[in-house]
Amino acid sequence: MSRLSSLLLTALGVTALSACAPMTGGEGAKPSPNRQCFYPDQVDNFRGNNQTIYVRARNKDVFELQTFGMCSDVDFAFAIAFVPNTALSRLCVGDTSRLVVGAPPRDLCRVQVVKQLTEAEVMALPSRDRP
């Protein structure tokens, strides 16, 4: 095989491999600064029930989370913790996470960040749901 043929095969192989590489998103991608996000380790308060959970972050933003199925004892829990599904350190609208609820034996629920609430939406929440 000639040197030119070898170079062409190598170039085609590299091109084929680069076509499989992700172009946007994925691990290591920088999240858009316009996304509505919070850092799970900075959640100061939470309230909710078995299907809807509201969390207040340290910067006073309130986010609505929906469970996939039932998430037992959220309304009685004294603590929650997030176990993100990716290496990213923050959760943004649309992201999913696992939520650890309560003291042992702990329940593990899957949740999705639905939206960041406006000040008016927070004030409209019943007091039992307002974090």
N, C-alpha and C. Protein backbone atom coordinates (compact mmCIF):
# COMPACT_ATOMS: atom_id res chain seq x y z
N MET A 1 0.84 -1.16 0.00
CA MET A 1 0.00 0.00 0.00
C MET A 1 0.90 1.24 0.00
N SER A 2 0.55 2.19 -0.81
CA SER A 2 1.38 3.39 -0.92
C SER A 2 1.16 4.30 0.28
N ARG A 3 2.09 5.20 0.44
CA ARG A 3 2.03 6.17 1.56
C ARG A 3 0.78 7.03 1.43
N LEU A 4 0.40 7.41 0.21
CA LEU A 4 -0.79 8.23 -0.01
C LEU A 4 -2.05 7.48 0.40
N SER A 5 -2.13 6.20 0.06
CA SER A 5 -3.28 5.39 0.45
C SER A 5 -3.38 5.27 1.96
N SER A 6 -2.25 5.10 2.62
CA SER A 6 -2.22 5.03 4.09
C SER A 6 -2.72 6.32 4.71
N LEU A 7 -2.28 7.45 4.19
CA LEU A 7 -2.72 8.74 4.72
C LEU A 7 -4.22 8.94 4.51
N LEU A 8 -4.74 8.54 3.35
CA LEU A 8 -6.17 8.67 3.08
C LEU A 8 -7.00 7.81 4.03
N LEU A 9 -6.57 6.57 4.26
CA LEU A 9 -7.28 5.70 5.18
C LEU A 9 -7.27 6.25 6.60
N THR A 10 -6.13 6.78 7.01
CA THR A 10 -6.03 7.39 8.33
C THR A 10 -6.97 8.58 8.44
N ALA A 11 -6.98 9.44 7.43
CA ALA A 11 -7.85 10.63 7.43
C ALA A 11 -9.31 10.22 7.47
N LEU A 12 -9.68 9.20 6.71
CA LEU A 12 -11.07 8.73 6.72
C LEU A 12 -11.45 8.17 8.09
N GLY A 13 -10.53 7.44 8.71
CA GLY A 13 -10.79 6.90 10.04
C GLY A 13 -10.99 7.99 11.07
N VAL A 14 -10.16 9.01 11.04
CA VAL A 14 -10.29 10.14 11.99
C VAL A 14 -11.60 10.87 11.75
N THR A 15 -11.96 11.08 10.48
CA THR A 15 -13.21 11.75 10.15
C THR A 15 -14.40 10.95 10.65
N ALA A 16 -14.37 9.63 10.46
CA ALA A 16 -15.46 8.78 10.91
C ALA A 16 -15.59 8.83 12.43
N LEU A 17 -14.47 8.79 13.14
CA LEU A 17 -14.51 8.84 14.60
C LEU A 17 -15.01 10.19 15.09
N SER A 18 -14.59 11.27 14.44
CA SER A 18 -15.03 12.59 14.90
C SER A 18 -16.51 12.80 14.65
N ALA A 19 -17.09 12.10 13.69
CA ALA A 19 -18.52 12.21 13.44
C ALA A 19 -19.32 11.63 14.59
N CYS A 20 -18.74 10.73 15.36
CA CYS A 20 -19.41 10.13 16.51
C CYS A 20 -19.29 10.98 17.77
N ALA A 21 -18.40 11.93 17.78
CA ALA A 21 -18.17 12.75 18.97
C ALA A 21 -19.32 13.72 19.16
N PRO A 22 -19.74 13.95 20.41
CA PRO A 22 -20.83 14.91 20.66
C PRO A 22 -20.38 16.32 20.31
N MET A 23 -21.30 17.07 19.72
CA MET A 23 -20.98 18.43 19.32
C MET A 23 -21.32 19.43 20.42
N THR A 24 -22.40 19.20 21.14
CA THR A 24 -22.80 20.10 22.22
C THR A 24 -23.27 19.26 23.39
N GLY A 25 -23.34 19.89 24.57
CA GLY A 25 -23.83 19.21 25.75
C GLY A 25 -22.85 18.17 26.24
N GLY A 26 -23.35 17.27 27.08
CA GLY A 26 -22.51 16.20 27.60
C GLY A 26 -21.67 16.66 28.77
N GLU A 27 -20.92 15.73 29.32
CA GLU A 27 -20.06 16.05 30.46
C GLU A 27 -18.98 17.03 30.05
N GLY A 28 -18.70 17.94 30.91
CA GLY A 28 -17.66 18.92 30.65
C GLY A 28 -18.18 20.13 29.89
N ALA A 29 -19.40 20.04 29.35
CA ALA A 29 -19.95 21.19 28.63
C ALA A 29 -20.35 22.24 29.64
N LYS A 30 -20.14 23.49 29.29
CA LYS A 30 -20.50 24.58 30.19
C LYS A 30 -21.98 24.86 30.05
N PRO A 31 -22.74 24.84 31.18
CA PRO A 31 -24.16 25.14 31.11
C PRO A 31 -24.37 26.59 30.69
N SER A 32 -25.46 26.82 29.98
CA SER A 32 -25.79 28.17 29.54
C SER A 32 -26.05 29.06 30.74
N PRO A 33 -25.54 30.29 30.72
CA PRO A 33 -25.77 31.18 31.87
C PRO A 33 -27.23 31.58 32.01
N ASN A 34 -28.05 31.39 30.97
CA ASN A 34 -29.46 31.77 31.03
C ASN A 34 -30.34 30.68 31.62
N ARG A 35 -29.80 29.51 31.83
CA ARG A 35 -30.58 28.42 32.41
C ARG A 35 -30.89 28.71 33.86
N GLN A 36 -32.05 28.26 34.29
CA GLN A 36 -32.46 28.43 35.68
C GLN A 36 -32.00 27.21 36.45
N CYS A 37 -31.03 27.42 37.37
CA CYS A 37 -30.38 26.30 38.06
C CYS A 37 -30.20 26.62 39.54
N PHE A 38 -29.92 25.56 40.29
CA PHE A 38 -29.54 25.71 41.70
C PHE A 38 -28.50 24.65 42.03
N TYR A 39 -27.75 24.92 43.08
CA TYR A 39 -26.76 23.96 43.56
C TYR A 39 -27.42 23.13 44.66
N PRO A 40 -27.49 21.81 44.49
CA PRO A 40 -28.16 20.96 45.48
C PRO A 40 -27.63 21.11 46.90
N ASP A 41 -26.32 21.38 47.04
CA ASP A 41 -25.77 21.51 48.39
C ASP A 41 -26.09 22.87 49.01
N GLN A 42 -26.79 23.74 48.27
CA GLN A 42 -27.17 25.04 48.80
C GLN A 42 -28.68 25.17 49.00
N VAL A 43 -29.38 24.05 49.07
CA VAL A 43 -30.81 24.08 49.36
C VAL A 43 -30.98 24.31 50.86
N ASP A 44 -31.67 25.41 51.19
CA ASP A 44 -31.87 25.78 52.59
C ASP A 44 -33.16 25.22 53.18
N ASN A 45 -34.17 25.03 52.33
CA ASN A 45 -35.46 24.62 52.85
C ASN A 45 -36.22 23.88 51.75
N PHE A 46 -37.19 23.07 52.15
CA PHE A 46 -38.02 22.36 51.19
C PHE A 46 -39.38 22.10 51.82
N ARG A 47 -40.36 21.96 50.98
CA ARG A 47 -41.70 21.57 51.38
C ARG A 47 -42.31 20.80 50.23
N GLY A 48 -43.30 20.02 50.52
CA GLY A 48 -43.97 19.33 49.44
C GLY A 48 -44.75 18.13 49.90
N ASN A 49 -45.13 17.35 48.92
CA ASN A 49 -45.89 16.13 49.19
C ASN A 49 -45.28 15.00 48.36
N ASN A 50 -46.02 13.95 48.17
CA ASN A 50 -45.47 12.77 47.50
C ASN A 50 -45.22 12.95 46.01
N GLN A 51 -45.73 14.05 45.42
CA GLN A 51 -45.57 14.23 43.98
C GLN A 51 -44.93 15.56 43.59
N THR A 52 -45.10 16.60 44.39
CA THR A 52 -44.54 17.92 44.09
C THR A 52 -43.72 18.40 45.27
N ILE A 53 -42.50 18.82 44.99
CA ILE A 53 -41.60 19.29 46.05
C ILE A 53 -41.09 20.67 45.63
N TYR A 54 -41.07 21.59 46.58
CA TYR A 54 -40.53 22.92 46.34
C TYR A 54 -39.26 23.08 47.18
N VAL A 55 -38.20 23.54 46.56
CA VAL A 55 -36.95 23.76 47.28
C VAL A 55 -36.55 25.22 47.16
N ARG A 56 -35.99 25.77 48.25
CA ARG A 56 -35.48 27.14 48.25
C ARG A 56 -33.97 27.06 48.37
N ALA A 57 -33.30 27.67 47.39
CA ALA A 57 -31.84 27.69 47.38
C ALA A 57 -31.33 28.87 48.19
N ARG A 58 -30.06 28.84 48.48
CA ARG A 58 -29.43 29.87 49.30
C ARG A 58 -29.61 31.28 48.73
N ASN A 59 -29.72 31.37 47.39
CA ASN A 59 -29.91 32.68 46.77
C ASN A 59 -31.38 33.09 46.75
N LYS A 60 -32.23 32.36 47.47
CA LYS A 60 -33.66 32.62 47.66
C LYS A 60 -34.54 32.21 46.48
N ASP A 61 -33.96 31.60 45.43
CA ASP A 61 -34.76 31.10 44.32
C ASP A 61 -35.52 29.86 44.77
N VAL A 62 -36.76 29.72 44.31
CA VAL A 62 -37.58 28.56 44.63
C VAL A 62 -37.83 27.77 43.35
N PHE A 63 -37.63 26.46 43.42
CA PHE A 63 -37.81 25.58 42.28
C PHE A 63 -38.86 24.53 42.59
N GLU A 64 -39.63 24.19 41.56
CA GLU A 64 -40.62 23.12 41.66
C GLU A 64 -40.04 21.85 41.08
N LEU A 65 -40.16 20.76 41.82
CA LEU A 65 -39.72 19.45 41.36
C LEU A 65 -40.91 18.52 41.35
N GLN A 66 -40.98 17.66 40.35
CA GLN A 66 -42.02 16.65 40.26
C GLN A 66 -41.38 15.28 40.41
N THR A 67 -42.05 14.41 41.14
CA THR A 67 -41.55 13.05 41.31
C THR A 67 -42.03 12.18 40.16
N PHE A 68 -41.30 11.12 39.90
CA PHE A 68 -41.73 10.09 38.96
C PHE A 68 -42.37 9.01 39.81
N GLY A 69 -43.67 9.01 39.91
CA GLY A 69 -44.36 8.09 40.82
C GLY A 69 -44.45 8.72 42.20
N MET A 70 -44.63 7.90 43.19
CA MET A 70 -44.79 8.40 44.56
C MET A 70 -43.43 8.52 45.25
N CYS A 71 -43.31 9.53 46.08
CA CYS A 71 -42.11 9.72 46.89
C CYS A 71 -42.59 9.83 48.34
N SER A 72 -42.56 8.73 49.03
CA SER A 72 -43.16 8.62 50.37
C SER A 72 -42.51 9.52 51.40
N ASP A 73 -43.33 10.05 52.27
CA ASP A 73 -42.91 10.76 53.47
C ASP A 73 -42.17 12.07 53.25
N VAL A 74 -42.26 12.66 52.06
CA VAL A 74 -41.63 13.97 51.84
C VAL A 74 -42.24 14.99 52.79
N ASP A 75 -43.56 14.93 52.97
CA ASP A 75 -44.23 15.90 53.81
C ASP A 75 -43.89 15.76 55.29
N PHE A 76 -43.28 14.64 55.68
CA PHE A 76 -42.89 14.44 57.08
C PHE A 76 -41.37 14.46 57.30
N ALA A 77 -40.62 14.54 56.22
CA ALA A 77 -39.15 14.45 56.31
C ALA A 77 -38.55 15.73 56.88
N PHE A 78 -37.49 15.56 57.64
CA PHE A 78 -36.74 16.70 58.17
C PHE A 78 -35.57 17.07 57.28
N ALA A 79 -35.20 16.15 56.40
CA ALA A 79 -34.05 16.41 55.52
C ALA A 79 -34.22 15.66 54.20
N ILE A 80 -33.62 16.25 53.17
CA ILE A 80 -33.53 15.60 51.87
C ILE A 80 -32.11 15.80 51.35
N ALA A 81 -31.72 14.97 50.42
CA ALA A 81 -30.41 15.12 49.78
C ALA A 81 -30.55 14.70 48.32
N PHE A 82 -29.81 15.37 47.46
CA PHE A 82 -29.84 15.07 46.03
C PHE A 82 -28.66 14.20 45.65
N VAL A 83 -28.93 13.26 44.75
CA VAL A 83 -27.89 12.43 44.16
C VAL A 83 -27.99 12.66 42.65
N PRO A 84 -27.26 13.64 42.12
CA PRO A 84 -27.38 13.95 40.68
C PRO A 84 -27.02 12.77 39.80
N ASN A 85 -27.62 12.73 38.62
CA ASN A 85 -27.38 11.65 37.67
C ASN A 85 -26.13 11.88 36.83
N THR A 86 -25.54 13.06 36.90
CA THR A 86 -24.36 13.38 36.09
C THR A 86 -23.29 13.97 37.00
N ALA A 87 -22.17 14.27 36.41
CA ALA A 87 -21.07 14.87 37.17
C ALA A 87 -21.26 16.37 37.37
N LEU A 88 -22.30 16.94 36.79
CA LEU A 88 -22.53 18.37 36.95
C LEU A 88 -22.88 18.67 38.40
N SER A 89 -22.44 19.82 38.88
CA SER A 89 -22.64 20.13 40.29
C SER A 89 -23.91 20.91 40.55
N ARG A 90 -24.66 21.26 39.50
CA ARG A 90 -25.90 21.98 39.73
C ARG A 90 -27.03 21.32 38.96
N LEU A 91 -28.25 21.60 39.40
CA LEU A 91 -29.44 21.06 38.76
C LEU A 91 -30.19 22.21 38.10
N CYS A 92 -30.57 22.01 36.85
CA CYS A 92 -31.26 23.04 36.09
C CYS A 92 -32.63 22.53 35.67
N VAL A 93 -33.50 23.46 35.25
CA VAL A 93 -34.82 23.09 34.78
C VAL A 93 -34.67 22.05 33.68
N GLY A 94 -35.42 20.95 33.84
CA GLY A 94 -35.36 19.84 32.90
C GLY A 94 -34.48 18.70 33.36
N ASP A 95 -33.56 18.97 34.28
CA ASP A 95 -32.67 17.92 34.78
C ASP A 95 -33.41 16.97 35.71
N THR A 96 -32.91 15.75 35.80
CA THR A 96 -33.45 14.77 36.75
C THR A 96 -32.39 14.45 37.78
N SER A 97 -32.85 13.97 38.91
CA SER A 97 -31.96 13.60 40.00
C SER A 97 -32.66 12.54 40.84
N ARG A 98 -31.87 11.91 41.67
CA ARG A 98 -32.45 11.03 42.68
C ARG A 98 -32.47 11.82 43.98
N LEU A 99 -33.52 11.63 44.74
CA LEU A 99 -33.71 12.37 45.98
C LEU A 99 -33.76 11.38 47.13
N VAL A 100 -32.93 11.61 48.13
CA VAL A 100 -32.92 10.77 49.33
C VAL A 100 -33.80 11.48 50.35
N VAL A 101 -34.79 10.77 50.88
CA VAL A 101 -35.76 11.37 51.79
C VAL A 101 -35.68 10.71 53.15
N GLY A 102 -35.58 11.55 54.20
CA GLY A 102 -35.73 11.11 55.57
C GLY A 102 -34.56 10.36 56.17
N ALA A 103 -34.83 9.86 57.36
CA ALA A 103 -33.85 9.11 58.13
C ALA A 103 -33.95 7.63 57.77
N PRO A 104 -32.95 6.83 58.15
CA PRO A 104 -32.99 5.40 57.82
C PRO A 104 -34.26 4.73 58.33
N PRO A 105 -34.86 3.83 57.60
CA PRO A 105 -34.52 3.45 56.23
C PRO A 105 -34.96 4.56 55.27
N ARG A 106 -34.07 4.99 54.44
CA ARG A 106 -34.33 6.11 53.54
C ARG A 106 -35.03 5.66 52.26
N ASP A 107 -35.91 6.54 51.78
CA ASP A 107 -36.53 6.33 50.48
C ASP A 107 -35.68 7.02 49.43
N LEU A 108 -35.62 6.45 48.27
CA LEU A 108 -34.90 7.05 47.15
C LEU A 108 -35.93 7.27 46.04
N CYS A 109 -36.10 8.53 45.66
CA CYS A 109 -37.09 8.89 44.65
C CYS A 109 -36.39 9.54 43.46
N ARG A 110 -37.02 9.45 42.32
CA ARG A 110 -36.51 10.13 41.13
C ARG A 110 -37.36 11.37 40.91
N VAL A 111 -36.70 12.52 40.72
CA VAL A 111 -37.39 13.79 40.54
C VAL A 111 -36.86 14.52 39.31
N GLN A 112 -37.67 15.45 38.82
CA GLN A 112 -37.25 16.32 37.72
C GLN A 112 -37.51 17.77 38.12
N VAL A 113 -36.55 18.65 37.82
CA VAL A 113 -36.72 20.07 38.07
C VAL A 113 -37.65 20.60 36.99
N VAL A 114 -38.82 21.10 37.39
CA VAL A 114 -39.84 21.53 36.44
C VAL A 114 -39.64 23.00 36.06
N LYS A 115 -39.50 23.85 37.07
CA LYS A 115 -39.36 25.28 36.78
C LYS A 115 -38.89 26.03 38.00
N GLN A 116 -38.42 27.25 37.75
CA GLN A 116 -38.12 28.19 38.83
C GLN A 116 -39.36 29.05 39.00
N LEU A 117 -39.83 29.19 40.21
CA LEU A 117 -41.03 29.97 40.47
C LEU A 117 -40.71 31.46 40.54
N THR A 118 -41.64 32.26 40.08
CA THR A 118 -41.52 33.71 40.24
C THR A 118 -41.90 34.05 41.67
N GLU A 119 -41.60 35.26 42.07
CA GLU A 119 -41.97 35.73 43.42
C GLU A 119 -43.48 35.61 43.63
N ALA A 120 -44.27 35.99 42.62
CA ALA A 120 -45.73 35.91 42.71
C ALA A 120 -46.20 34.46 42.86
N GLU A 121 -45.57 33.53 42.13
CA GLU A 121 -45.93 32.12 42.24
C GLU A 121 -45.59 31.57 43.63
N VAL A 122 -44.49 32.01 44.19
CA VAL A 122 -44.12 31.57 45.54
C VAL A 122 -45.15 32.07 46.55
N MET A 123 -45.52 33.33 46.44
CA MET A 123 -46.49 33.91 47.37
C MET A 123 -47.88 33.28 47.21
N ALA A 124 -48.20 32.76 46.02
CA ALA A 124 -49.49 32.14 45.76
C ALA A 124 -49.58 30.71 46.29
N LEU A 125 -48.43 30.12 46.62
CA LEU A 125 -48.44 28.76 47.16
C LEU A 125 -49.13 28.75 48.53
N PRO A 126 -49.86 27.68 48.83
CA PRO A 126 -50.39 27.55 50.20
C PRO A 126 -49.22 27.54 51.18
N SER A 127 -49.42 28.07 52.37
CA SER A 127 -48.32 28.18 53.34
C SER A 127 -47.70 26.83 53.65
N ARG A 128 -48.46 25.75 53.58
CA ARG A 128 -47.91 24.41 53.87
C ARG A 128 -46.92 23.95 52.80
N ASP A 129 -46.98 24.57 51.60
CA ASP A 129 -46.10 24.19 50.50
C ASP A 129 -44.97 25.19 50.25
N ARG A 130 -45.00 26.33 50.93
CA ARG A 130 -44.01 27.38 50.70
C ARG A 130 -42.74 27.13 51.50
N PRO A 131 -41.61 26.90 50.80
CA PRO A 131 -40.36 26.65 51.53
C PRO A 131 -39.77 27.92 52.12
